[in-house]
């Protein structure tokens, strides 16, 4: 699912923090990541990085949107 959104090791997604579950879904041709973590002091960004490492074995960094719900994610080697 995620591979169709990756272009030059970069993809965008919308993060919904403080959700009841942690789950990545595709909705309206956009990736949405629901996170249990709260959007305070970088907790949601940390949870995002851990999610992709655990579920997809990908090392990622938030390229832009650190304080926004709309983020651009870069896959690092």
N, C-alpha and C. Protein backbone atom coordinates (compact mmCIF):
# COMPACT_ATOMS: atom_id res chain seq x y z
N UNK A 1 0.82 -1.20 0.00
CA UNK A 1 0.00 0.00 0.00
C UNK A 1 0.86 1.26 0.00
N UNK A 2 1.83 1.31 0.88
CA UNK A 2 2.64 2.52 1.01
C UNK A 2 3.56 2.74 -0.19
N UNK A 3 3.99 1.66 -0.83
CA UNK A 3 4.96 1.78 -1.92
C UNK A 3 4.44 2.61 -3.08
N UNK A 4 3.15 2.62 -3.31
CA UNK A 4 2.61 3.42 -4.41
C UNK A 4 2.66 4.92 -4.13
N UNK A 5 2.90 5.31 -2.88
CA UNK A 5 2.96 6.72 -2.52
C UNK A 5 4.39 7.26 -2.43
N UNK A 6 5.38 6.37 -2.49
CA UNK A 6 6.78 6.77 -2.35
C UNK A 6 7.33 7.23 -3.69
N UNK A 7 7.93 8.41 -3.70
CA UNK A 7 8.55 8.97 -4.89
C UNK A 7 9.90 9.55 -4.48
N UNK A 8 10.99 8.97 -4.98
CA UNK A 8 12.35 9.39 -4.62
C UNK A 8 12.57 9.34 -3.11
N UNK A 9 12.13 8.26 -2.48
CA UNK A 9 12.26 8.03 -1.04
C UNK A 9 11.54 9.06 -0.19
N UNK A 10 10.53 9.71 -0.75
CA UNK A 10 9.75 10.71 -0.03
C UNK A 10 8.27 10.43 -0.24
N UNK A 11 7.49 10.60 0.81
CA UNK A 11 6.04 10.50 0.69
C UNK A 11 5.39 11.44 1.69
N UNK A 12 4.14 11.76 1.44
CA UNK A 12 3.42 12.65 2.35
C UNK A 12 2.28 11.89 3.00
N UNK A 13 1.90 12.36 4.16
CA UNK A 13 0.78 11.76 4.86
C UNK A 13 0.17 12.77 5.81
N UNK A 14 -1.02 12.46 6.25
CA UNK A 14 -1.71 13.28 7.25
C UNK A 14 -1.74 12.49 8.54
N UNK A 15 -1.36 13.14 9.62
CA UNK A 15 -1.30 12.49 10.92
C UNK A 15 -2.48 12.95 11.77
N UNK A 16 -3.15 12.00 12.38
CA UNK A 16 -4.23 12.28 13.30
C UNK A 16 -3.77 11.81 14.68
N UNK A 17 -3.26 12.73 15.50
CA UNK A 17 -2.76 12.34 16.83
C UNK A 17 -3.90 12.16 17.82
N UNK A 18 -3.56 11.56 18.97
CA UNK A 18 -4.50 11.37 20.06
C UNK A 18 -5.70 10.51 19.65
N UNK A 19 -5.45 9.56 18.75
CA UNK A 19 -6.50 8.65 18.27
C UNK A 19 -6.63 7.46 19.22
N UNK A 20 -7.67 6.71 19.05
CA UNK A 20 -7.89 5.55 19.91
C UNK A 20 -7.02 4.36 19.51
N UNK A 21 -6.44 4.41 18.31
CA UNK A 21 -5.61 3.32 17.83
C UNK A 21 -4.46 3.89 17.00
N UNK A 22 -3.43 3.10 16.78
CA UNK A 22 -2.35 3.47 15.87
C UNK A 22 -2.52 2.62 14.63
N UNK A 23 -2.77 3.30 13.50
CA UNK A 23 -3.09 2.58 12.27
C UNK A 23 -2.84 3.47 11.06
N UNK A 24 -2.29 2.88 10.00
CA UNK A 24 -2.09 3.58 8.73
C UNK A 24 -3.18 3.14 7.77
N UNK A 25 -3.90 4.10 7.21
CA UNK A 25 -4.94 3.78 6.25
C UNK A 25 -4.80 4.65 5.01
N UNK A 26 -5.44 4.21 3.95
CA UNK A 26 -5.52 5.00 2.73
C UNK A 26 -6.96 5.49 2.62
N UNK A 27 -7.11 6.80 2.49
CA UNK A 27 -8.45 7.38 2.42
C UNK A 27 -8.42 8.54 1.44
N UNK A 28 -9.29 8.51 0.46
CA UNK A 28 -9.38 9.57 -0.57
C UNK A 28 -8.02 9.80 -1.25
N UNK A 29 -7.35 8.71 -1.62
CA UNK A 29 -6.03 8.77 -2.29
C UNK A 29 -4.99 9.50 -1.46
N UNK A 30 -5.08 9.39 -0.15
CA UNK A 30 -4.12 10.00 0.75
C UNK A 30 -3.84 9.03 1.89
N UNK A 31 -2.58 8.98 2.33
CA UNK A 31 -2.23 8.17 3.49
C UNK A 31 -2.58 8.95 4.76
N UNK A 32 -3.19 8.25 5.71
CA UNK A 32 -3.49 8.85 7.00
C UNK A 32 -2.97 7.92 8.07
N UNK A 33 -2.24 8.51 9.01
CA UNK A 33 -1.69 7.75 10.12
C UNK A 33 -2.35 8.20 11.41
N UNK A 34 -3.15 7.30 11.97
CA UNK A 34 -3.77 7.56 13.26
C UNK A 34 -2.79 7.13 14.33
N UNK A 35 -2.51 8.01 15.28
CA UNK A 35 -1.55 7.73 16.34
C UNK A 35 -2.19 7.91 17.70
N UNK A 36 -1.88 7.01 18.62
CA UNK A 36 -2.34 7.16 19.99
C UNK A 36 -1.62 8.31 20.70
N UNK A 37 -0.43 8.63 20.24
CA UNK A 37 0.39 9.65 20.89
C UNK A 37 -0.24 11.03 20.79
N UNK A 38 0.06 11.84 21.79
CA UNK A 38 -0.43 13.21 21.82
C UNK A 38 0.52 14.13 21.05
N UNK A 39 -0.01 15.22 20.48
CA UNK A 39 0.83 16.14 19.71
C UNK A 39 1.54 17.15 20.59
N UNK A 40 2.26 16.68 21.59
CA UNK A 40 2.96 17.57 22.50
C UNK A 40 4.42 17.17 22.60
N UNK A 41 5.30 18.13 22.54
CA UNK A 41 6.74 17.93 22.73
C UNK A 41 7.31 16.85 21.80
N UNK A 42 6.77 16.76 20.58
CA UNK A 42 7.31 15.83 19.59
C UNK A 42 6.91 14.37 19.79
N UNK A 43 5.99 14.11 20.70
CA UNK A 43 5.60 12.71 20.98
C UNK A 43 4.98 12.04 19.75
N UNK A 44 4.16 12.78 19.01
CA UNK A 44 3.52 12.20 17.83
C UNK A 44 4.57 11.91 16.75
N UNK A 45 5.52 12.82 16.56
CA UNK A 45 6.57 12.58 15.57
C UNK A 45 7.42 11.38 15.95
N UNK A 46 7.72 11.24 17.22
CA UNK A 46 8.49 10.07 17.68
C UNK A 46 7.70 8.78 17.44
N UNK A 47 6.41 8.82 17.72
CA UNK A 47 5.56 7.64 17.50
C UNK A 47 5.48 7.29 16.02
N UNK A 48 5.45 8.29 15.17
CA UNK A 48 5.43 8.08 13.72
C UNK A 48 6.69 7.35 13.27
N UNK A 49 7.84 7.81 13.73
CA UNK A 49 9.12 7.19 13.37
C UNK A 49 9.17 5.74 13.86
N UNK A 50 8.73 5.50 15.09
CA UNK A 50 8.72 4.14 15.64
C UNK A 50 7.75 3.24 14.89
N UNK A 51 6.60 3.79 14.49
CA UNK A 51 5.62 3.01 13.75
C UNK A 51 6.20 2.48 12.44
N UNK A 52 6.84 3.35 11.66
CA UNK A 52 7.38 2.91 10.37
C UNK A 52 8.55 1.95 10.55
N UNK A 53 9.32 2.12 11.62
CA UNK A 53 10.42 1.20 11.87
C UNK A 53 9.89 -0.18 12.24
N UNK A 54 8.87 -0.23 13.07
CA UNK A 54 8.33 -1.50 13.53
C UNK A 54 7.50 -2.20 12.45
N UNK A 55 6.59 -1.49 11.82
CA UNK A 55 5.64 -2.10 10.89
C UNK A 55 6.21 -2.32 9.48
N UNK A 56 7.07 -1.43 9.02
CA UNK A 56 7.56 -1.50 7.63
C UNK A 56 9.07 -1.64 7.52
N UNK A 57 9.75 -1.71 8.67
CA UNK A 57 11.22 -1.84 8.68
C UNK A 57 11.88 -0.70 7.91
N UNK A 58 11.33 0.50 8.04
CA UNK A 58 11.85 1.68 7.36
C UNK A 58 12.36 2.69 8.38
N UNK A 59 13.54 3.26 8.10
CA UNK A 59 14.04 4.37 8.90
C UNK A 59 13.55 5.64 8.21
N UNK A 60 12.79 6.44 8.92
CA UNK A 60 12.24 7.65 8.33
C UNK A 60 12.55 8.86 9.20
N UNK A 61 12.51 10.03 8.57
CA UNK A 61 12.61 11.31 9.27
C UNK A 61 11.51 12.21 8.75
N UNK A 62 11.08 13.12 9.58
CA UNK A 62 10.08 14.11 9.17
C UNK A 62 10.82 15.22 8.44
N UNK A 63 10.63 15.29 7.14
CA UNK A 63 11.33 16.29 6.32
C UNK A 63 10.70 17.67 6.48
N UNK A 64 9.37 17.72 6.49
CA UNK A 64 8.69 18.98 6.75
C UNK A 64 7.36 18.70 7.42
N UNK A 65 6.87 19.69 8.14
CA UNK A 65 5.60 19.56 8.84
C UNK A 65 5.73 19.06 10.25
N UNK A 66 6.84 19.37 10.91
CA UNK A 66 7.05 18.86 12.27
C UNK A 66 5.97 19.30 13.25
N UNK A 67 5.37 20.46 13.03
CA UNK A 67 4.32 20.93 13.92
C UNK A 67 2.96 20.94 13.22
N UNK A 68 2.88 20.33 12.07
CA UNK A 68 1.65 20.29 11.29
C UNK A 68 1.12 18.86 11.22
N UNK A 69 -0.14 18.71 10.91
CA UNK A 69 -0.69 17.37 10.70
C UNK A 69 -0.31 16.82 9.34
N UNK A 70 -0.06 17.70 8.37
CA UNK A 70 0.39 17.29 7.04
C UNK A 70 1.90 17.25 7.04
N UNK A 71 2.45 16.07 6.79
CA UNK A 71 3.89 15.87 6.88
C UNK A 71 4.47 15.30 5.60
N UNK A 72 5.72 15.63 5.35
CA UNK A 72 6.48 15.02 4.29
C UNK A 72 7.54 14.17 4.97
N UNK A 73 7.56 12.89 4.63
CA UNK A 73 8.43 11.91 5.27
C UNK A 73 9.48 11.46 4.28
N UNK A 74 10.72 11.38 4.75
CA UNK A 74 11.84 10.93 3.93
C UNK A 74 12.36 9.61 4.49
N UNK A 75 12.54 8.66 3.60
CA UNK A 75 13.12 7.36 3.98
C UNK A 75 14.63 7.49 3.89
N UNK A 76 15.31 7.14 4.98
CA UNK A 76 16.77 7.22 5.01
C UNK A 76 17.35 5.82 4.95
N UNK A 77 18.51 5.70 4.36
CA UNK A 77 19.16 4.38 4.22
C UNK A 77 19.87 3.98 5.47
